[in-house]
Each structure stands twice: as C-alpha cells, then as structure tokens.
C-alpha cells in the first residue's frame, strides 16, 4: 500500500523541512508539492527532497502548472506513483495517526469507505525567536470545553484522506461528491495538528491558564516531542536540520492510545458527528426535493401516455 501526500506551499520555509521529514517518517511514501513561486527558501527545501527521491516539485509558474490543482495532483499520485491513499495537506498541517503509523491506520479501513476524515487540532501560542516553532505550540483547542464546537462548520473541524482511484476528483467543498464517495463516519483515526499563528489570532498568554482550567484548551506535547526527537537524531547524524538522512527511515515512534485516551477521543468524535448530521440532513432534504421535482415531471408524462394508449384502443 502506497501513501502519497500532496500539498501547495508558498513561503513556508519556517515549517516545511519539519513538515516533510515528519510525514516521510510517519508512513507517507512520497510527496507531490506545487510551488506557486516562493521567495524565502521554500523552493530550495523542496528541491533538496526531490534530489533525494522523496518528492516531486511542481512549479505552478512553469510547464507543470496543469498539474497544480488538487484533482490533478491526486491523479498524478495514482497514475505515476501508484498511490493507494492520497492526503491533500497544507504545509502547516501535521497528520498524526492514532496508531503506529499513517499506513497502519489506513490499511485496516474496509474497502467500501472511500474517504477517511481526520479531526482538526488547532494549536495556539506565540513564537519566540530562535525556537523551533512547535516548542512554543503546546496548547490546543478541545471539543470537550464549555463551548464545544462553538458552531464551527464541519469543514473547519475535519480534513479528508482519499482512497485513490483512476480519474479521481478532489473537491475541497464536497469530499463525498454528493454522497457518491462513501466516508467513514463517527471515528477519525487521524488527527491534524494545525498552528494558529499562521492562520488565526494566538491565544493571549494572560488567558491561557484559565482556558486550560475550564477545558477550552488542553496541553498537548506529542508533536513537539516527536520533532525534538527527529531534530536530535539529525544532530547525532551530523546534519543541521530535520534532514534528508532521516526521511522515510522510521525515526518517529507513535504511542498507541490507551483505553482512557480512546474514551475521551470518542466523546470528541461524537461531538463532531452531531455537527456533521446537520450537513447530512441538508443533503437528504436536497435529494428529497430533487426526487419530488422529478416525480412532478414524470407522472404527468405517464398519465398522458396512458390516455393516448386508451384512445387508440377505442
């Protein structure tokens, strides 16, 4: 089973090396990255992983521009790299398996499910100069706090992983393609760690302790610890970054959740499931309306045909 991650990156040099090294150690076999034209070292990082055989860089300003859309990158992953699963990611996202690796958690998904959804985990904090970005990102939002999902649309709480197929379509607004692609619901075997300082306002330090006390935020050091391990291993190997010598060599060890962890996680999954039911209900209502419109057109035609046949028999 081959797992390919696709991404579009622009000026992401501060996180890109860690992003690539992490996923190549977490079970991703290959990366396809579209680069719209970065000016901060992003391109150089992509090229270094490409030279090592871990990545294909698509220049969105060059001759490969036709392959830069999510659908085309997914089809490229299938046609040229034999992907069984495709993860469409952003550079500031880290896909964390609730098992030993991404490959392990996806391998057991029954064939009928074409989409596996991952639960978003948004971290908040303020970066300090000279620190690895995750060193200052150890608190994240929780669905078990007093505000729960806080009315967030399901698209902001879940991210899709697609089972690969020829000529597949990736629609960021409709993962299931109107229900034709069956998603695994109610359980999300992957978490997506995302960093608020690249997208949202970070949490004020003066409120942090209160938000942790009431359950709105929780302390989560899993990603920080894994990236520290990668960095230390790279240092022992005599290289200065997370580094190519570590890519794809299994230096990440993911802790398997215990019963207590899974029980708490199941409650959060249930909260997301309730939000997802709103969208599902809307899809059902839309389908019922379409059926009613078709019936309104169909039955008058049947009645006219029956009347014509009756007149002919007379």
Protein backbone atom coordinates (compact mmCIF):
# COMPACT_ATOMS: atom_id res chain seq x y z
CA UNK A 1 0.00 0.00 0.00
CA UNK A 2 1.45 3.36 -1.05
CA UNK A 3 0.56 6.64 0.62
CA UNK A 4 1.16 9.95 -1.21
CA UNK A 5 0.84 13.40 0.34
CA UNK A 6 0.00 16.35 -1.94
CA UNK A 7 0.45 19.96 -0.96
CA UNK A 8 0.63 23.52 -2.26
CA UNK A 9 3.32 25.55 -0.49
CA UNK A 10 4.23 29.22 -0.68
CA UNK A 11 6.80 30.91 1.57
CA UNK A 12 6.66 28.11 4.15
CA UNK A 13 10.37 27.71 4.83
CA UNK A 14 9.82 28.05 8.60
CA UNK A 15 7.83 24.79 8.79
CA UNK A 16 8.48 22.93 5.53
CA UNK A 17 11.55 20.88 6.49
CA UNK A 18 9.83 19.63 9.66
CA UNK A 19 6.60 19.02 7.73
CA UNK A 20 8.29 16.84 5.10
CA UNK A 21 10.58 14.92 7.47
CA UNK A 22 7.70 14.23 9.86
CA UNK A 23 5.38 12.76 7.24
CA UNK A 24 8.06 10.73 5.49
CA UNK A 25 8.74 9.12 8.88
CA UNK A 26 5.04 8.78 9.73
CA UNK A 27 4.19 6.47 6.84
CA UNK A 28 4.00 8.73 3.78
CA UNK A 29 5.89 7.17 0.87
CA UNK A 30 6.11 10.16 -1.45
CA UNK A 31 5.20 13.87 -1.62
CA UNK A 32 3.90 15.89 -4.57
CA UNK A 33 4.30 19.62 -3.87
CA UNK A 34 3.15 22.54 -6.00
CA UNK A 35 5.22 25.69 -5.52
CA UNK A 36 3.49 28.84 -6.85
CA UNK A 37 6.74 30.78 -6.55
CA UNK A 38 8.26 31.21 -3.11
CA UNK A 39 10.96 33.69 -2.14
CA UNK A 40 12.04 32.50 1.33
CA UNK A 41 13.90 29.23 0.81
CA UNK A 42 10.84 27.04 0.28
CA UNK A 43 11.90 26.13 -3.24
CA UNK A 44 15.38 25.12 -2.11
CA UNK A 45 13.94 22.82 0.58
CA UNK A 46 11.61 21.19 -1.95
CA UNK A 47 14.45 20.68 -4.41
CA UNK A 48 16.63 19.03 -1.77
CA UNK A 49 13.92 16.46 -1.01
CA UNK A 50 13.32 15.99 -4.76
CA UNK A 51 17.01 15.23 -5.35
CA UNK A 52 16.83 12.60 -2.61
CA UNK A 53 13.90 10.92 -4.38
CA UNK A 54 11.23 11.68 -1.78
CA UNK A 55 9.33 14.44 -3.58
CA UNK A 56 8.19 15.80 -6.92
CA UNK A 57 8.11 19.57 -7.13
CA UNK A 58 5.55 21.12 -9.46
CA UNK A 59 6.31 24.68 -10.43
CA UNK A 60 2.92 26.38 -10.65
CA UNK A 61 4.59 29.07 -12.74
CA UNK A 62 6.23 26.69 -15.18
CA UNK A 63 5.34 23.96 -17.61
CA UNK A 64 3.83 21.73 -14.89
CA UNK A 65 1.13 24.27 -14.00
CA UNK A 66 -1.62 21.95 -15.35
CA UNK A 67 -0.81 19.50 -12.53
CA UNK A 68 -1.09 22.06 -9.71
CA UNK A 69 -4.80 21.63 -8.85
CA UNK A 70 -5.82 19.20 -6.04
CA UNK A 71 -7.51 16.89 -8.54
CA UNK A 72 -4.57 16.80 -10.95
CA UNK A 73 -2.06 16.21 -8.16
CA UNK A 74 -4.20 13.35 -6.84
CA UNK A 75 -4.45 11.81 -10.32
CA UNK A 76 -0.70 12.19 -10.74
CA UNK A 77 -0.19 10.39 -7.42
CA UNK A 78 -2.26 7.47 -8.70
CA UNK A 79 -1.03 7.29 -12.31
CA UNK A 80 2.69 7.82 -11.79
CA UNK A 81 3.36 6.85 -8.17
CA UNK A 82 0.83 4.07 -7.53
CA UNK A 83 -0.91 5.75 -4.60
CA UNK A 84 -3.48 3.73 -2.66
CA UNK A 85 -4.35 6.74 -0.48
CA UNK A 86 -3.93 10.48 -1.10
CA UNK A 87 -3.56 13.07 1.68
CA UNK A 88 -4.16 16.66 0.49
CA UNK A 89 -2.27 18.75 3.04
CA UNK A 90 -1.09 22.26 3.80
CA UNK A 91 2.46 22.99 4.91
CA UNK A 92 1.35 24.00 8.42
CA UNK A 93 -0.54 20.73 8.99
CA UNK A 94 0.88 17.58 10.60
CA UNK A 95 -1.16 14.38 10.15
CA UNK A 96 -0.89 12.34 13.33
CA UNK A 97 -2.05 8.69 13.23
CA UNK A 98 -3.88 7.21 16.21
CA UNK A 99 -1.80 4.08 15.76
CA UNK A 100 1.74 3.12 14.89
CA UNK A 101 1.79 4.93 11.52
CA UNK A 102 -0.46 6.50 8.90
CA UNK A 103 -0.07 3.37 6.80
CA UNK A 104 -1.19 1.15 9.69
CA UNK A 105 -4.38 3.07 10.46
CA UNK A 106 -5.41 3.28 6.78
CA UNK A 107 -4.61 -0.35 5.96
CA UNK A 108 -7.50 -1.63 8.11
CA UNK A 109 -10.18 0.63 6.60
CA UNK A 110 -12.80 -1.56 4.82
CA UNK A 111 -12.80 -1.13 1.01
CA UNK A 112 -16.29 0.36 0.84
CA UNK A 113 -15.10 3.56 2.56
CA UNK A 114 -13.56 5.98 0.05
CA UNK A 115 -12.90 8.89 2.43
CA UNK A 116 -11.36 8.79 5.90
CA UNK A 117 -11.77 12.02 7.85
CA UNK A 118 -9.20 13.44 10.24
CA UNK A 119 -10.00 15.54 13.30
CA UNK A 120 -8.50 19.04 13.30
CA UNK A 121 -6.43 20.12 16.30
CA UNK A 122 -5.67 23.85 16.32
CA UNK A 123 -2.70 24.91 18.42
CA UNK A 124 -2.31 28.40 19.81
CA UNK A 125 0.71 30.26 21.08
CA UNK A 126 3.29 32.89 20.28
CA UNK A 127 6.59 32.03 18.69
CA UNK A 128 9.89 33.09 20.18
CA UNK A 129 12.86 33.92 18.01
CA UNK A 130 15.36 31.09 17.77
CA UNK A 131 12.87 28.43 18.87
CA UNK A 132 11.58 25.53 16.84
CA UNK A 133 8.00 26.59 16.10
CA UNK A 134 6.48 23.62 17.96
CA UNK A 135 8.44 24.42 21.14
CA UNK A 136 6.01 27.27 21.78
CA UNK A 137 2.93 25.42 20.47
CA UNK A 138 1.90 23.00 23.20
CA UNK A 139 -1.70 24.01 23.91
CA UNK A 140 -4.62 23.36 21.57
CA UNK A 141 -8.37 23.69 21.47
CA UNK A 142 -10.61 20.88 22.72
CA UNK A 143 -14.16 19.90 21.83
CA UNK A 144 -14.67 18.89 25.48
CA UNK A 145 -14.54 22.52 26.69
CA UNK A 146 -17.59 24.60 27.63
CA UNK A 147 -18.03 25.93 24.08
CA UNK A 148 -17.74 22.53 22.41
CA UNK A 149 -17.50 23.02 18.67
CA UNK A 150 -18.53 26.70 19.09
CA UNK A 151 -20.68 26.48 15.98
CA UNK A 152 -17.75 25.75 13.68
CA UNK A 153 -18.74 24.31 10.29
CA UNK A 154 -17.72 20.70 9.88
CA UNK A 155 -15.22 21.68 7.15
CA UNK A 156 -13.21 23.54 9.82
CA UNK A 157 -13.19 20.52 12.13
CA UNK A 158 -12.39 17.67 9.76
CA UNK A 159 -9.98 17.05 6.88
CA UNK A 160 -10.25 14.26 4.28
CA UNK A 161 -7.92 11.48 3.20
CA UNK A 162 -8.98 9.90 -0.11
CA UNK A 163 -8.77 6.30 -1.21
CA UNK A 164 -7.06 6.58 -4.59
CA UNK A 165 -8.75 5.65 -7.85
CA UNK A 166 -8.15 6.43 -11.54
CA UNK A 167 -9.52 9.78 -12.69
CA UNK A 168 -10.43 10.68 -9.11
CA UNK A 169 -11.86 14.12 -8.35
CA UNK A 170 -10.87 16.18 -5.31
CA UNK A 171 -13.45 18.83 -4.47
CA UNK A 172 -12.44 20.81 -1.33
CA UNK A 173 -16.07 21.88 -0.88
CA UNK A 174 -17.61 18.41 -1.24
CA UNK A 175 -15.42 15.49 -0.18
CA UNK A 176 -18.07 12.85 -0.85
CA UNK A 177 -19.08 14.21 -4.30
CA UNK A 178 -22.72 14.37 -3.33
CA UNK A 179 -22.61 11.08 -1.46
CA UNK A 180 -21.13 9.03 -4.32
CA UNK A 181 -17.91 8.59 -2.32
CA UNK A 182 -18.66 6.84 0.99
CA UNK A 183 -16.96 8.41 4.05
CA UNK A 184 -16.04 6.67 7.29
CA UNK A 185 -18.17 8.47 9.87
CA UNK A 186 -18.12 8.84 13.66
CA UNK A 187 -14.49 7.73 14.11
CA UNK A 188 -11.47 9.73 12.95
CA UNK A 189 -8.29 7.59 13.09
CA UNK A 190 -6.03 10.54 12.23
CA UNK A 191 -5.60 13.93 13.90
CA UNK A 192 -4.39 17.02 12.03
CA UNK A 193 -2.21 19.36 14.08
CA UNK A 194 -2.52 22.92 12.77
CA UNK A 195 -0.89 26.09 14.03
CA UNK A 196 -2.95 29.18 14.78
CA UNK A 197 -0.14 31.71 14.50
CA UNK A 198 -0.10 31.08 10.73
CA UNK A 199 -3.88 31.47 10.34
CA UNK A 200 -5.65 32.77 13.46
CA UNK A 201 -5.02 35.13 16.35
CA UNK A 202 -2.96 33.32 19.01
CA UNK A 203 -4.40 32.95 22.49
CA UNK A 204 -3.45 35.73 24.87
CA UNK A 205 -0.95 34.44 27.46
CA UNK A 206 -2.94 36.06 30.28
CA UNK A 207 -5.97 33.87 29.47
CA UNK A 208 -4.11 30.64 28.83
CA UNK A 209 -4.27 29.18 32.36
CA UNK A 210 -7.99 29.97 32.70
CA UNK A 211 -8.76 28.36 29.35
CA UNK A 212 -6.80 25.25 30.33
CA UNK A 213 -8.65 25.12 33.67
CA UNK A 214 -12.11 25.18 32.08
CA UNK A 215 -11.18 22.65 29.38
CA UNK A 216 -11.27 25.02 26.40
CA UNK A 217 -7.55 24.37 25.87
CA UNK A 218 -5.50 21.29 26.67
CA UNK A 219 -1.76 20.76 26.91
CA UNK A 220 -0.57 18.50 24.10
CA UNK A 221 3.17 17.97 23.63
CA UNK A 222 3.06 14.97 21.28
CA UNK A 223 4.19 16.74 18.12
CA UNK A 224 6.78 18.83 19.95
CA UNK A 225 8.33 15.69 21.42
CA UNK A 226 8.43 13.84 18.09
CA UNK A 227 10.01 16.77 16.25
CA UNK A 228 12.57 17.18 19.02
CA UNK A 229 13.45 13.52 18.60
CA UNK A 230 13.87 13.99 14.85
CA UNK A 231 16.00 17.08 15.37
CA UNK A 232 18.19 15.38 17.97
CA UNK A 233 18.64 12.34 15.74
CA UNK A 234 19.61 14.62 12.86
CA UNK A 235 22.15 16.31 15.12
CA UNK A 236 23.64 12.96 16.10
CA UNK A 237 23.96 12.21 12.37
CA UNK A 238 25.93 15.43 11.90
CA UNK A 239 23.30 17.43 9.99
CA UNK A 240 21.79 20.75 10.99
CA UNK A 241 18.09 20.32 10.16
CA UNK A 242 15.49 17.55 10.34
CA UNK A 243 17.31 16.42 7.28
CA UNK A 244 17.21 14.10 4.37
CA UNK A 245 19.12 11.24 6.00
CA UNK A 246 16.11 10.77 8.31
CA UNK A 247 13.38 10.94 5.69
CA UNK A 248 11.48 7.70 5.35
CA UNK A 249 13.67 5.73 7.75
CA UNK A 250 11.16 5.29 10.55
CA UNK A 251 12.64 7.50 13.27
CA UNK A 252 9.17 8.51 14.50
CA UNK A 253 7.58 6.24 17.11
CA UNK A 254 3.90 6.97 17.67
CA UNK A 255 2.40 5.99 21.01
CA UNK A 256 -0.68 3.78 20.67
CA UNK A 257 -3.59 5.41 22.57
CA UNK A 258 -4.69 3.67 25.76
CA UNK A 259 -8.29 2.99 26.78
CA UNK A 260 -8.65 6.30 28.63
CA UNK A 261 -7.31 8.26 25.65
CA UNK A 262 -9.67 6.48 23.27
CA UNK A 263 -12.67 7.06 25.54
CA UNK A 264 -12.00 10.80 25.73
CA UNK A 265 -11.37 10.93 21.99
CA UNK A 266 -14.63 9.08 21.27
CA UNK A 267 -16.57 11.83 23.07
CA UNK A 268 -14.97 14.45 20.81
CA UNK A 269 -15.67 12.35 17.73
CA UNK A 270 -19.32 12.13 18.79
CA UNK A 271 -19.47 15.93 19.09
CA UNK A 272 -18.19 16.30 15.53
CA UNK A 273 -20.64 13.65 14.39
CA UNK A 274 -23.52 15.75 15.67
CA UNK A 275 -22.27 18.72 13.65
CA UNK A 276 -21.88 16.50 10.59
CA UNK A 277 -25.50 15.38 10.90
CA UNK A 278 -26.62 18.93 10.09
CA UNK A 279 -24.87 18.79 6.73
CA UNK A 280 -26.13 15.24 6.14
CA UNK A 281 -29.69 16.35 6.88
CA UNK A 282 -29.33 19.20 4.39
CA UNK A 283 -28.10 16.76 1.73
CA UNK A 284 -31.07 14.46 2.38
CA UNK A 285 -33.53 17.36 2.11
CA UNK A 286 -31.94 18.48 -1.16
CA UNK A 287 -32.18 14.92 -2.50
CA UNK A 288 -35.83 14.68 -1.50
CA UNK A 289 -36.55 17.96 -3.28
CA UNK A 290 -34.86 16.71 -6.45
CA UNK A 291 -36.88 13.49 -6.33
CA UNK A 292 -40.09 15.45 -5.86
CA UNK A 293 -39.26 17.63 -8.89
CA UNK A 294 -38.51 14.55 -11.00
CA UNK A 295 -41.77 12.93 -9.93
CA UNK A 296 -43.67 16.09 -10.74
CA UNK A 297 -42.31 15.90 -14.27
CA UNK A 298 -42.54 12.11 -14.67
CA UNK A 299 -46.09 11.23 -13.60
CA UNK A 300 -47.91 13.72 -15.87
CA UNK A 301 -45.99 12.20 -18.79
CA UNK A 302 -47.08 8.71 -17.73
CA UNK A 303 -50.69 9.82 -17.44
CA UNK A 304 -50.64 11.45 -20.89
CA UNK A 305 -49.12 8.29 -22.39
CA UNK A 306 -51.80 6.10 -20.76
CA UNK A 307 -54.55 8.37 -22.05
CA UNK A 308 -53.14 8.23 -25.59
CA UNK A 309 -52.96 4.45 -25.46
CA UNK A 310 -56.54 4.31 -24.21
CA UNK A 311 -57.80 6.43 -27.07
CA UNK A 312 -56.02 4.24 -29.63
CA UNK A 313 -57.70 1.10 -28.30
CA UNK A 314 -61.13 2.68 -28.76
